[in-house]
Every structure is written in structure tokens, then in C-alpha cells.
Amino acid sequence: MPLYSVIIPVYKSTQSLETIAVQINELQKQKDYKFEIIFVNDSPFFLDTVRTMEQLEKKYENVRTFTLRRNLGQQFAVLCGIQQASGDYIMTMDDDLQHPVKEIPKLINAFHKKDKLEAIFAIPNFKDRRHDRWRNVGSYVMNKIDTVFLKKPKGLYKSSFRIMTLSLAKAIVNNYNATPAVSSLIIYTTDKIENIEIEHNSRQFGKSNFTLRKLINHSLNNLLHYSSAPLKALGLIGVIVFLASVLFIIYIVLKKLFFGSDFPGYASTVSLISFFGGLNLFGIGLLGEYLIRILREQQKPKLEDLLK
């Protein structure tokens, strides 16, 4: 019987953790699954969470808990949990019960229907999402941006409720960067990904800590770490401005030679400013291309990770 490691990043949660542990263990008995539950505490100085996790680890044999040294964010918590997992398959979900435990079998069954599949993102219908409206709109916009800049397959949506193979999980752990995004790492590593549709619950305890600022920061990290499009666009603009400045210089020189100039020094000043302005932008773009290659070299996967 395969072991499924369920990674749950935790931030200042208490009641929901007990509910998740109970529901997963009930599911384990009903469906004859075998689960390992890994809670990773990203709020080490919130004592209620620390105590709750200690109690759960003593109460359930299949519950393991880990605590980060300081608040590093959900993505690092997930990666640390994956690194500690001992399962044959890795699952991740949130700690707020918006990802229903009862939908786990649907995720597992869909995953095993196709042999070559490496990951599944479980998503709710857009109309049924229980997030704030601004977050739903922001997620929709960022999905469109991801499709363009990250070369994400069209129609594929990212989610923190997911299942993946152990080999894929090891690959993303071995190749994370300074500001990781787990879903983007998965997309960056493999194209054998699909979506399935699931239910989405309202948050039962507390309030979401995911703010507009965090959404923007997360989006910028995705864009800058997993796409070279901004630097390439800057380089293209530099080339266009440089060529335009050359044409403008020719125009100024011809005007000076054949029609004269009303302002002494005007032609040389404008020409030099145009030339060096365009050259600077071109140089920044060129340096950007080198920077892209340096970043890719630092993030390149190991050869064994490229083989399934």
C-alpha cells in the first residue's frame, strides 16, 4: 500500500489542525489509504500553534510536526515539509479547511488514472471560490500573466492543493531559489501536469493572512525568477531606441548641413544625448541577457532530476 505524505504549512492555526488530523485519519480507515500528516509551523513564536502541534503529534502516530526557526513564508514551509516526507507520493494543502479533506480521494484517483502524469493541481470552479473578490480577480489576472511570461500551458491553473510524484518533489526541493514558489517550480520542472475540479469551503476559523501586498510580492517573484521576458523586453526597447537615435542623428546632421541651425551646439548636444541614451538602454539589455544566463546556471537542475 503506497504512503501519501500530506504537507500542511501552518500559520497561527489551532482548531483547524485538529479537524484536519481527525478527518484524514477517518479517511484512512474508510478508504484503506495510508497517510503521513506533516504540519510545518511557520509561526514559531505563536505559542497556541506550538502547543496544538505538540498535542497532535502525541495523539496520532501518523502525525509529524516541524517548526521553522523564523517566519519564512508558506513556500519555504512546504519545501521543508517535502524534504522531511517519507511517502511514495506527496500532497500539499492549506491549514484553513478551505481545501476539503473529503476531496483527497478524487485527487488520488485522478492522479493514478494516467501513468505518465507527474502532478495535479486541484482547483475549484471560479464562481465557487470562497476567497475575497479582490483575491479571485488578482488570481485570474496573474494566471493570464503566468501563461504569457512563464510559458504555463494555456488552461492550466496553479493551486496549493496538489499531488505529485516523489521524484518530482525531490527535483523541486533540489532546485529551489531564494524566493521559491512551489507551483512555479513544478511548472518549470515538468509539463506532465493537469487540473481537476474540486469543492471549495469557506474559511471556518480566523481570517486569511494573505494580503494584496503578499499577492503582488508573490507575483513579482514568479515573474522575475522564472521568466526572462522583462529583461528581454528591456533589451528590445534598447535596440529600438538605439536605432531610432541613429536615424535622429542622421536627420539632425543633414538638417545642419543643408538648412543650418538656429541654435549653436544644438545638433551636437541632441545627437550625443540620443546616442548615449540609446546605447545605455542597449547595454542594460545586453547585461540583462548575461544575468539571465547566470541565474539559469545557478538554478539548473541536476542531470538525475531530468530523468524519470
C-alpha atoms as a PDB file:
ATOM      1  CA  MET A   1       0.000   0.000   0.000  1.00  0.00           C
ATOM      2  CA  PRO A   2       1.529   3.350  -1.013  1.00  0.00           C
ATOM      3  CA  LEU A   3       2.126   6.007   1.612  1.00  0.00           C
ATOM      4  CA  TYR A   4       0.812   9.513   0.905  1.00  0.00           C
ATOM      5  CA  SER A   5       2.605  12.352   2.689  1.00  0.00           C
ATOM      6  CA  VAL A   6       0.268  15.301   3.238  1.00  0.00           C
ATOM      7  CA  ILE A   7       2.246  18.522   3.775  1.00  0.00           C
ATOM      8  CA  ILE A   8       0.351  21.305   5.567  1.00  0.00           C
ATOM      9  CA  PRO A   9       2.065  24.662   6.179  1.00  0.00           C
ATOM     10  CA  VAL A  10       0.739  26.237   9.375  1.00  0.00           C
ATOM     11  CA  TYR A  11       0.489  29.886  10.331  1.00  0.00           C
ATOM     12  CA  LYS A  12      -1.192  30.757  13.651  1.00  0.00           C
ATOM     13  CA  SER A  13      -3.769  27.968  13.305  1.00  0.00           C
ATOM     14  CA  THR A  14      -5.059  25.743  16.125  1.00  0.00           C
ATOM     15  CA  GLN A  15      -8.626  24.397  15.843  1.00  0.00           C
ATOM     16  CA  SER A  16      -8.384  23.621  12.142  1.00  0.00           C
ATOM     17  CA  LEU A  17      -5.318  21.397  12.696  1.00  0.00           C
ATOM     18  CA  GLU A  18      -7.215  19.032  14.981  1.00  0.00           C
ATOM     19  CA  THR A  19     -10.089  18.875  12.480  1.00  0.00           C
ATOM     20  CA  ILE A  20      -7.715  18.080   9.605  1.00  0.00           C
ATOM     21  CA  ALA A  21      -5.964  15.334  11.582  1.00  0.00           C
ATOM     22  CA  VAL A  22      -9.292  13.730  12.573  1.00  0.00           C
ATOM     23  CA  GLN A  23     -10.719  13.858   9.044  1.00  0.00           C
ATOM     24  CA  ILE A  24      -7.595  12.442   7.379  1.00  0.00           C
ATOM     25  CA  ASN A  25      -7.424   9.574   9.871  1.00  0.00           C
ATOM     26  CA  GLU A  26     -11.116   8.814   9.341  1.00  0.00           C
ATOM     27  CA  LEU A  27     -10.496   8.828   5.591  1.00  0.00           C
ATOM     28  CA  GLN A  28      -7.569   6.457   6.116  1.00  0.00           C
ATOM     29  CA  LYS A  29      -9.899   3.935   7.815  1.00  0.00           C
ATOM     30  CA  GLN A  30     -12.794   4.331   5.371  1.00  0.00           C
ATOM     31  CA  LYS A  31     -10.855   4.208   2.086  1.00  0.00           C
ATOM     32  CA  ASP A  32      -7.984   1.956   3.110  1.00  0.00           C
ATOM     33  CA  TYR A  33      -5.393   4.642   2.384  1.00  0.00           C
ATOM     34  CA  LYS A  34      -2.191   5.203   4.323  1.00  0.00           C
ATOM     35  CA  PHE A  35      -1.358   8.807   5.181  1.00  0.00           C
ATOM     36  CA  GLU A  36       1.537  10.606   6.794  1.00  0.00           C
ATOM     37  CA  ILE A  37       0.462  14.065   8.020  1.00  0.00           C
ATOM     38  CA  ILE A  38       3.238  16.652   8.228  1.00  0.00           C
ATOM     39  CA  PHE A  39       2.477  20.003   9.843  1.00  0.00           C
ATOM     40  CA  VAL A  40       5.167  22.667   9.307  1.00  0.00           C
ATOM     41  CA  ASN A  41       4.840  25.608  11.659  1.00  0.00           C
ATOM     42  CA  ASP A  42       5.667  28.952  10.060  1.00  0.00           C
ATOM     43  CA  SER A  43       4.660  30.875  13.208  1.00  0.00           C
ATOM     44  CA  PRO A  44       7.258  29.607  15.721  1.00  0.00           C
ATOM     45  CA  PHE A  45       6.526  32.311  18.309  1.00  0.00           C
ATOM     46  CA  PHE A  46       2.745  31.770  18.345  1.00  0.00           C
ATOM     47  CA  LEU A  47       2.516  29.515  21.404  1.00  0.00           C
ATOM     48  CA  ASP A  48      -1.051  28.272  20.822  1.00  0.00           C
ATOM     49  CA  THR A  49       0.027  26.753  17.493  1.00  0.00           C
ATOM     50  CA  VAL A  50       3.169  25.238  19.050  1.00  0.00           C
ATOM     51  CA  ARG A  51       1.139  23.576  21.834  1.00  0.00           C
ATOM     52  CA  THR A  52      -1.539  22.307  19.443  1.00  0.00           C
ATOM     53  CA  MET A  53       1.036  20.694  17.176  1.00  0.00           C
ATOM     54  CA  GLU A  54       2.801  19.040  20.130  1.00  0.00           C
ATOM     55  CA  GLN A  55      -0.519  17.564  21.290  1.00  0.00           C
ATOM     56  CA  LEU A  56      -1.383  16.258  17.828  1.00  0.00           C
ATOM     57  CA  GLU A  57       1.998  14.573  17.418  1.00  0.00           C
ATOM     58  CA  LYS A  58       1.498  12.746  20.740  1.00  0.00           C
ATOM     59  CA  LYS A  59      -2.103  11.806  19.942  1.00  0.00           C
ATOM     60  CA  TYR A  60      -1.680  10.436  16.392  1.00  0.00           C
ATOM     61  CA  GLU A  61       1.011   8.022  15.260  1.00  0.00           C
ATOM     62  CA  ASN A  62       0.945   9.303  11.669  1.00  0.00           C
ATOM     63  CA  VAL A  63       1.329  12.993  12.570  1.00  0.00           C
ATOM     64  CA  ARG A  64       4.774  14.578  12.364  1.00  0.00           C
ATOM     65  CA  THR A  65       5.444  18.222  13.189  1.00  0.00           C
ATOM     66  CA  PHE A  66       8.278  20.590  12.315  1.00  0.00           C
ATOM     67  CA  THR A  67       8.839  24.222  13.165  1.00  0.00           C
ATOM     68  CA  LEU A  68      10.809  26.797  11.194  1.00  0.00           C
ATOM     69  CA  ARG A  69      13.367  28.861  13.047  1.00  0.00           C
ATOM     70  CA  ARG A  70      11.544  32.035  11.987  1.00  0.00           C
ATOM     71  CA  ASN A  71       8.651  33.105   9.801  1.00  0.00           C
ATOM     72  CA  LEU A  72       9.823  32.428   6.244  1.00  0.00           C
ATOM     73  CA  GLY A  73       6.503  32.092   4.426  1.00  0.00           C
ATOM     74  CA  GLN A  74       4.259  29.330   3.138  1.00  0.00           C
ATOM     75  CA  GLN A  75       6.500  28.310   0.246  1.00  0.00           C
ATOM     76  CA  PHE A  76       9.523  27.562   2.435  1.00  0.00           C
ATOM     77  CA  ALA A  77       7.288  25.704   4.889  1.00  0.00           C
ATOM     78  CA  VAL A  78       6.015  23.461   2.079  1.00  0.00           C
ATOM     79  CA  LEU A  79       9.525  22.777   0.759  1.00  0.00           C
ATOM     80  CA  CYS A  80      10.801  21.907   4.259  1.00  0.00           C
ATOM     81  CA  GLY A  81       7.855  19.547   4.693  1.00  0.00           C
ATOM     82  CA  ILE A  82       8.547  17.867   1.367  1.00  0.00           C
ATOM     83  CA  GLN A  83      12.185  17.389   2.319  1.00  0.00           C
ATOM     84  CA  GLN A  84      11.152  15.614   5.525  1.00  0.00           C
ATOM     85  CA  ALA A  85       8.440  13.460   3.899  1.00  0.00           C
ATOM     86  CA  SER A  86       8.868   9.701   3.644  1.00  0.00           C
ATOM     87  CA  GLY A  87       5.830   8.957   1.453  1.00  0.00           C
ATOM     88  CA  ASP A  88       5.663   7.439  -2.018  1.00  0.00           C
ATOM     89  CA  TYR A  89       3.536  10.389  -3.166  1.00  0.00           C
ATOM     90  CA  ILE A  90       3.465  13.970  -1.926  1.00  0.00           C
ATOM     91  CA  MET A  91       0.337  16.046  -1.355  1.00  0.00           C
ATOM     92  CA  THR A  92       0.046  19.632  -0.137  1.00  0.00           C
ATOM     93  CA  MET A  93      -2.944  21.545   1.205  1.00  0.00           C
ATOM     94  CA  ASP A  94      -3.721  24.630   3.287  1.00  0.00           C
ATOM     95  CA  ASP A  95      -4.383  24.684   7.029  1.00  0.00           C
ATOM     96  CA  ASP A  96      -7.680  26.606   6.903  1.00  0.00           C
ATOM     97  CA  LEU A  97     -10.018  23.763   5.772  1.00  0.00           C
ATOM     98  CA  GLN A  98     -10.863  25.552   2.532  1.00  0.00           C
ATOM     99  CA  HIS A  99      -9.366  22.505   0.827  1.00  0.00           C
ATOM    100  CA  PRO A 100     -11.835  19.758   1.833  1.00  0.00           C
ATOM    101  CA  VAL A 101     -10.223  16.579   3.146  1.00  0.00           C
ATOM    102  CA  LYS A 102     -13.066  14.602   1.540  1.00  0.00           C
ATOM    103  CA  GLU A 103     -11.736  15.650  -1.893  1.00  0.00           C
ATOM    104  CA  ILE A 104      -8.395  13.882  -1.344  1.00  0.00           C
ATOM    105  CA  PRO A 105      -9.655  10.568  -2.865  1.00  0.00           C
ATOM    106  CA  LYS A 106     -10.718  12.449  -6.005  1.00  0.00           C
ATOM    107  CA  LEU A 107      -7.180  13.836  -6.279  1.00  0.00           C
ATOM    108  CA  ILE A 108      -5.582  10.412  -5.749  1.00  0.00           C
ATOM    109  CA  ASN A 109      -7.892   8.596  -8.193  1.00  0.00           C
ATOM    110  CA  ALA A 110      -7.377  11.191 -10.928  1.00  0.00           C
ATOM    111  CA  PHE A 111      -3.620  11.029 -10.433  1.00  0.00           C
ATOM    112  CA  HIS A 112      -3.403   7.253 -10.824  1.00  0.00           C
ATOM    113  CA  LYS A 113      -5.587   7.110 -13.930  1.00  0.00           C
ATOM    114  CA  LYS A 114      -2.669   8.258 -16.104  1.00  0.00           C
ATOM    115  CA  ASP A 115       0.736   6.582 -15.854  1.00  0.00           C
ATOM    116  CA  LYS A 116       2.855   9.468 -17.141  1.00  0.00           C
ATOM    117  CA  LEU A 117       1.227  12.174 -15.025  1.00  0.00           C
ATOM    118  CA  GLU A 118       3.614  13.806 -12.524  1.00  0.00           C
ATOM    119  CA  ALA A 119       1.392  16.365 -10.791  1.00  0.00           C
ATOM    120  CA  ILE A 120      -2.205  17.518 -10.427  1.00  0.00           C
ATOM    121  CA  PHE A 121      -3.425  20.919  -9.258  1.00  0.00           C
ATOM    122  CA  ALA A 122      -6.896  20.715  -7.667  1.00  0.00           C
ATOM    123  CA  ILE A 123      -8.907  23.870  -8.278  1.00  0.00           C
ATOM    124  CA  PRO A 124     -12.465  24.988  -7.519  1.00  0.00           C
ATOM    125  CA  ASN A 125     -14.760  26.379 -10.160  1.00  0.00           C
ATOM    126  CA  PHE A 126     -14.019  30.112 -10.459  1.00  0.00           C
ATOM    127  CA  LYS A 127     -17.607  31.000  -9.471  1.00  0.00           C
ATOM    128  CA  ASP A 128     -17.473  28.726  -6.409  1.00  0.00           C
ATOM    129  CA  ARG A 129     -14.282  30.094  -4.888  1.00  0.00           C
ATOM    130  CA  ARG A 130     -14.673  31.250  -1.293  1.00  0.00           C
ATOM    131  CA  HIS A 131     -11.868  33.812  -1.332  1.00  0.00           C
ATOM    132  CA  ASP A 132     -12.379  37.568  -1.209  1.00  0.00           C
ATOM    133  CA  ARG A 133     -13.339  39.064  -4.553  1.00  0.00           C
ATOM    134  CA  TRP A 134     -10.085  41.041  -4.893  1.00  0.00           C
ATOM    135  CA  ARG A 135      -8.114  37.829  -4.433  1.00  0.00           C
ATOM    136  CA  ASN A 136     -10.145  35.964  -7.054  1.00  0.00           C
ATOM    137  CA  VAL A 137      -9.669  38.807  -9.537  1.00  0.00           C
ATOM    138  CA  GLY A 138      -5.962  39.050  -8.699  1.00  0.00           C
ATOM    139  CA  SER A 139      -5.519  35.292  -9.181  1.00  0.00           C
ATOM    140  CA  TYR A 140      -7.288  35.472 -12.540  1.00  0.00           C
ATOM    141  CA  VAL A 141      -5.046  38.315 -13.744  1.00  0.00           C
ATOM    142  CA  MET A 142      -1.884  36.588 -12.539  1.00  0.00           C
ATOM    143  CA  ASN A 143      -2.928  33.375 -14.262  1.00  0.00           C
ATOM    144  CA  LYS A 144      -3.058  35.268 -17.554  1.00  0.00           C
ATOM    145  CA  ILE A 145       0.361  36.812 -16.871  1.00  0.00           C
ATOM    146  CA  ASP A 146       1.793  33.379 -15.969  1.00  0.00           C
ATOM    147  CA  THR A 147       0.542  31.989 -19.272  1.00  0.00           C
ATOM    148  CA  VAL A 148       2.427  34.691 -21.197  1.00  0.00           C
ATOM    149  CA  PHE A 149       5.616  35.100 -19.181  1.00  0.00           C
ATOM    150  CA  LEU A 150       6.115  31.691 -17.521  1.00  0.00           C
ATOM    151  CA  LYS A 151       5.005  29.770 -20.616  1.00  0.00           C
ATOM    152  CA  LYS A 152       2.473  27.965 -18.459  1.00  0.00           C
ATOM    153  CA  PRO A 153       0.256  25.675 -20.542  1.00  0.00           C
ATOM    154  CA  LYS A 154      -2.890  27.527 -21.538  1.00  0.00           C
ATOM    155  CA  GLY A 155      -5.834  26.464 -19.421  1.00  0.00           C
ATOM    156  CA  LEU A 156      -3.691  25.177 -16.542  1.00  0.00           C
ATOM    157  CA  TYR A 157      -4.326  26.837 -13.179  1.00  0.00           C
ATOM    158  CA  LYS A 158      -1.971  26.740 -10.207  1.00  0.00           C
ATOM    159  CA  SER A 159      -3.120  25.644  -6.755  1.00  0.00           C
ATOM    160  CA  SER A 160      -1.682  24.858  -3.325  1.00  0.00           C
ATOM    161  CA  PHE A 161      -3.924  21.752  -3.167  1.00  0.00           C
ATOM    162  CA  ARG A 162      -1.899  19.309  -5.246  1.00  0.00           C
ATOM    163  CA  ILE A 163      -0.395  15.841  -5.566  1.00  0.00           C
ATOM    164  CA  MET A 164       2.913  14.920  -7.181  1.00  0.00           C
ATOM    165  CA  THR A 165       5.327  12.050  -7.619  1.00  0.00           C
ATOM    166  CA  LEU A 166       8.183  11.634  -5.175  1.00  0.00           C
ATOM    167  CA  SER A 167      10.736  12.138  -7.971  1.00  0.00           C
ATOM    168  CA  LEU A 168       9.175  15.473  -8.932  1.00  0.00           C
ATOM    169  CA  ALA A 169       9.073  16.536  -5.280  1.00  0.00           C
ATOM    170  CA  LYS A 170      12.787  15.754  -4.901  1.00  0.00           C
ATOM    171  CA  ALA A 171      13.551  17.707  -8.069  1.00  0.00           C
ATOM    172  CA  ILE A 172      11.862  20.898  -6.864  1.00  0.00           C
ATOM    173  CA  VAL A 173      13.491  20.613  -3.429  1.00  0.00           C
ATOM    174  CA  ASN A 174      16.909  20.300  -5.073  1.00  0.00           C
ATOM    175  CA  ASN A 175      16.340  23.298  -7.340  1.00  0.00           C
ATOM    176  CA  TYR A 176      14.507  25.932  -5.317  1.00  0.00           C
ATOM    177  CA  ASN A 177      15.667  29.546  -5.338  1.00  0.00           C
ATOM    178  CA  ALA A 178      15.875  32.365  -2.800  1.00  0.00           C
ATOM    179  CA  THR A 179      12.183  33.288  -3.136  1.00  0.00           C
ATOM    180  CA  PRO A 180      10.560  29.989  -4.138  1.00  0.00           C
ATOM    181  CA  ALA A 181       7.072  29.410  -5.485  1.00  0.00           C
ATOM    182  CA  VAL A 182       6.231  25.711  -5.350  1.00  0.00           C
ATOM    183  CA  SER A 183       3.644  25.720  -8.153  1.00  0.00           C
ATOM    184  CA  SER A 184       6.002  27.630 -10.441  1.00  0.00           C
ATOM    185  CA  LEU A 185       8.830  25.224  -9.619  1.00  0.00           C
ATOM    186  CA  ILE A 186       6.570  22.336 -10.621  1.00  0.00           C
ATOM    187  CA  ILE A 187       5.663  24.016 -13.926  1.00  0.00           C
ATOM    188  CA  TYR A 188       9.318  24.891 -14.505  1.00  0.00           C
ATOM    189  CA  THR A 189      10.344  21.243 -13.930  1.00  0.00           C
ATOM    190  CA  THR A 190       7.681  19.263 -15.811  1.00  0.00           C
ATOM    191  CA  ASP A 191       4.854  19.685 -18.298  1.00  0.00           C
ATOM    192  CA  LYS A 192       3.067  16.490 -17.219  1.00  0.00           C
ATOM    193  CA  ILE A 193       0.511  18.387 -15.126  1.00  0.00           C
ATOM    194  CA  GLU A 194      -3.273  18.521 -15.139  1.00  0.00           C
ATOM    195  CA  ASN A 195      -6.129  20.212 -13.282  1.00  0.00           C
ATOM    196  CA  ILE A 196      -9.135  18.624 -11.647  1.00  0.00           C
ATOM    197  CA  GLU A 197     -12.120  20.488 -10.245  1.00  0.00           C
ATOM    198  CA  ILE A 198     -12.998  20.179  -6.564  1.00  0.00           C
ATOM    199  CA  GLU A 199     -15.232  21.803  -3.973  1.00  0.00           C
ATOM    200  CA  HIS A 200     -14.016  24.846  -2.072  1.00  0.00           C
ATOM    201  CA  ASN A 201     -15.092  25.567   1.516  1.00  0.00           C
ATOM    202  CA  SER A 202     -15.420  28.877   3.291  1.00  0.00           C
ATOM    203  CA  ARG A 203     -12.801  29.561   5.938  1.00  0.00           C
ATOM    204  CA  GLN A 204     -14.080  28.207   9.268  1.00  0.00           C
ATOM    205  CA  PHE A 205     -11.562  29.682  11.709  1.00  0.00           C
ATOM    206  CA  GLY A 206      -9.885  33.079  11.843  1.00  0.00           C
ATOM    207  CA  LYS A 207      -9.064  35.360   8.926  1.00  0.00           C
ATOM    208  CA  SER A 208      -6.789  34.907   5.948  1.00  0.00           C
ATOM    209  CA  ASN A 209      -3.258  36.280   6.281  1.00  0.00           C
ATOM    210  CA  PHE A 210      -2.886  36.504   2.504  1.00  0.00           C
ATOM    211  CA  THR A 211      -2.903  40.238   1.739  1.00  0.00           C
ATOM    212  CA  LEU A 212      -2.801  42.194  -1.514  1.00  0.00           C
ATOM    213  CA  ARG A 213       0.828  43.062  -0.768  1.00  0.00           C
ATOM    214  CA  LYS A 214       1.721  39.370  -0.452  1.00  0.00           C
ATOM    215  CA  LEU A 215      -0.082  38.612  -3.716  1.00  0.00           C
ATOM    216  CA  ILE A 216       1.898  41.332  -5.519  1.00  0.00           C
ATOM    217  CA  ASN A 217       5.221  40.167  -3.998  1.00  0.00           C
ATOM    218  CA  HIS A 218       4.472  36.556  -4.884  1.00  0.00           C
ATOM    219  CA  SER A 219       3.606  37.573  -8.448  1.00  0.00           C
ATOM    220  CA  LEU A 220       6.804  39.612  -8.852  1.00  0.00           C
ATOM    221  CA  ASN A 221       8.872  36.693  -7.555  1.00  0.00           C
ATOM    222  CA  ASN A 222       7.234  34.426 -10.119  1.00  0.00           C
ATOM    223  CA  LEU A 223       7.860  36.894 -12.911  1.00  0.00           C
ATOM    224  CA  LEU A 224      11.481  37.704 -12.092  1.00  0.00           C
ATOM    225  CA  HIS A 225      12.724  34.263 -11.052  1.00  0.00           C
ATOM    226  CA  TYR A 226      11.007  32.086 -13.639  1.00  0.00           C
ATOM    227  CA  SER A 227      10.863  34.351 -16.686  1.00  0.00           C
ATOM    228  CA  SER A 228      13.455  36.316 -18.647  1.00  0.00           C
ATOM    229  CA  ALA A 229      10.757  38.229 -20.549  1.00  0.00           C
ATOM    230  CA  PRO A 230      11.164  41.563 -18.662  1.00  0.00           C
ATOM    231  CA  LEU A 231      14.903  41.714 -19.352  1.00  0.00           C
ATOM    232  CA  LYS A 232      14.400  40.653 -22.964  1.00  0.00           C
ATOM    233  CA  ALA A 233      11.758  43.339 -23.386  1.00  0.00           C
ATOM    234  CA  LEU A 234      14.152  45.937 -21.967  1.00  0.00           C
ATOM    235  CA  GLY A 235      16.862  44.789 -24.365  1.00  0.00           C
ATOM    236  CA  LEU A 236      14.459  45.030 -27.315  1.00  0.00           C
ATOM    237  CA  ILE A 237      13.425  48.537 -26.267  1.00  0.00           C
ATOM    238  CA  GLY A 238      17.109  49.458 -26.013  1.00  0.00           C
ATOM    239  CA  VAL A 239      17.753  48.249 -29.578  1.00  0.00           C
ATOM    240  CA  ILE A 240      14.732  50.149 -30.922  1.00  0.00           C
ATOM    241  CA  VAL A 241      15.705  53.372 -29.113  1.00  0.00           C
ATOM    242  CA  PHE A 242      19.317  52.981 -30.258  1.00  0.00           C
ATOM    243  CA  LEU A 243      18.280  52.589 -33.917  1.00  0.00           C
ATOM    244  CA  ALA A 244      15.832  55.480 -33.584  1.00  0.00           C
ATOM    245  CA  SER A 245      18.583  57.664 -32.112  1.00  0.00           C
ATOM    246  CA  VAL A 246      20.873  56.827 -35.060  1.00  0.00           C
ATOM    247  CA  LEU A 247      18.161  57.872 -37.518  1.00  0.00           C
ATOM    248  CA  PHE A 248      17.546  61.025 -35.487  1.00  0.00           C
ATOM    249  CA  ILE A 249      21.273  61.839 -35.523  1.00  0.00           C
ATOM    250  CA  ILE A 250      21.345  61.452 -39.323  1.00  0.00           C
ATOM    251  CA  TYR A 251      18.338  63.759 -39.562  1.00  0.00           C
ATOM    252  CA  ILE A 252      19.976  66.415 -37.328  1.00  0.00           C
ATOM    253  CA  VAL A 253      23.270  66.262 -39.232  1.00  0.00           C
ATOM    254  CA  LEU A 254      21.564  66.563 -42.630  1.00  0.00           C
ATOM    255  CA  LYS A 255      19.457  69.452 -41.358  1.00  0.00           C
ATOM    256  CA  LYS A 256      22.608  71.168 -40.076  1.00  0.00           C
ATOM    257  CA  LEU A 257      24.468  70.694 -43.367  1.00  0.00           C
ATOM    258  CA  PHE A 258      21.700  71.746 -45.759  1.00  0.00           C
ATOM    259  CA  PHE A 259      19.491  74.123 -43.781  1.00  0.00           C
ATOM    260  CA  GLY A 260      21.706  75.359 -40.974  1.00  0.00           C
ATOM    261  CA  SER A 261      20.684  75.604 -37.303  1.00  0.00           C
ATOM    262  CA  ASP A 262      19.251  78.489 -35.304  1.00  0.00           C
ATOM    263  CA  PHE A 263      20.896  77.324 -32.069  1.00  0.00           C
ATOM    264  CA  PRO A 264      24.678  76.893 -31.863  1.00  0.00           C
ATOM    265  CA  GLY A 265      25.631  73.492 -30.393  1.00  0.00           C
ATOM    266  CA  TYR A 266      22.054  72.178 -30.670  1.00  0.00           C
ATOM    267  CA  ALA A 267      22.894  69.485 -33.221  1.00  0.00           C
ATOM    268  CA  SER A 268      25.884  68.065 -31.355  1.00  0.00           C
ATOM    269  CA  THR A 269      24.120  68.144 -27.953  1.00  0.00           C
ATOM    270  CA  VAL A 270      20.949  66.396 -29.141  1.00  0.00           C
ATOM    271  CA  SER A 271      22.948  63.859 -31.138  1.00  0.00           C
ATOM    272  CA  LEU A 272      25.167  62.913 -28.219  1.00  0.00           C
ATOM    273  CA  ILE A 273      22.253  62.656 -25.757  1.00  0.00           C
ATOM    274  CA  SER A 274      20.255  60.500 -28.171  1.00  0.00           C
ATOM    275  CA  PHE A 275      23.190  58.264 -28.995  1.00  0.00           C
ATOM    276  CA  PHE A 276      24.361  57.616 -25.435  1.00  0.00           C
ATOM    277  CA  GLY A 277      20.793  57.295 -24.116  1.00  0.00           C
ATOM    278  CA  GLY A 278      20.056  54.580 -26.655  1.00  0.00           C
ATOM    279  CA  LEU A 279      23.436  52.965 -26.072  1.00  0.00           C
ATOM    280  CA  ASN A 280      22.815  52.838 -22.297  1.00  0.00           C
ATOM    281  CA  LEU A 281      19.496  51.075 -22.730  1.00  0.00           C
ATOM    282  CA  PHE A 282      21.062  48.663 -25.186  1.00  0.00           C
ATOM    283  CA  GLY A 283      23.880  47.966 -22.723  1.00  0.00           C
ATOM    284  CA  ILE A 284      21.430  47.326 -19.872  1.00  0.00           C
ATOM    285  CA  GLY A 285      19.579  44.866 -22.072  1.00  0.00           C
ATOM    286  CA  LEU A 286      22.807  43.118 -23.007  1.00  0.00           C
ATOM    287  CA  LEU A 287      23.854  42.871 -19.356  1.00  0.00           C
ATOM    288  CA  GLY A 288      20.384  41.538 -18.631  1.00  0.00           C
ATOM    289  CA  GLU A 289      20.921  38.699 -21.081  1.00  0.00           C
ATOM    290  CA  TYR A 290      24.130  37.758 -19.264  1.00  0.00           C
ATOM    291  CA  LEU A 291      22.297  37.975 -15.923  1.00  0.00           C
ATOM    292  CA  ILE A 292      19.614  35.621 -17.250  1.00  0.00           C
ATOM    293  CA  ARG A 293      22.257  33.048 -18.081  1.00  0.00           C
ATOM    294  CA  ILE A 294      23.909  33.407 -14.666  1.00  0.00           C
ATOM    295  CA  LEU A 295      20.579  32.868 -12.913  1.00  0.00           C
ATOM    296  CA  ARG A 296      19.793  29.852 -15.063  1.00  0.00           C
ATOM    297  CA  GLU A 297      23.220  28.395 -14.321  1.00  0.00           C
ATOM    298  CA  GLN A 298      22.604  28.757 -10.589  1.00  0.00           C
ATOM    299  CA  GLN A 299      19.148  27.180 -10.875  1.00  0.00           C
ATOM    300  CA  LYS A 300      19.938  24.432 -13.359  1.00  0.00           C
ATOM    301  CA  PRO A 301      18.602  21.000 -12.347  1.00  0.00           C
ATOM    302  CA  LYS A 302      20.858  18.020 -11.744  1.00  0.00           C
ATOM    303  CA  LEU A 303      21.018  15.513 -14.533  1.00  0.00           C
ATOM    304  CA  GLU A 304      19.429  12.765 -12.433  1.00  0.00           C
ATOM    305  CA  ASP A 305      16.464  15.072 -11.787  1.00  0.00           C
ATOM    306  CA  LEU A 306      15.832  15.323 -15.501  1.00  0.00           C
ATOM    307  CA  LEU A 307      15.260  11.554 -15.730  1.00  0.00           C
ATOM    308  CA  LYS A 308      12.061  10.000 -14.512  1.00  0.00           C
END
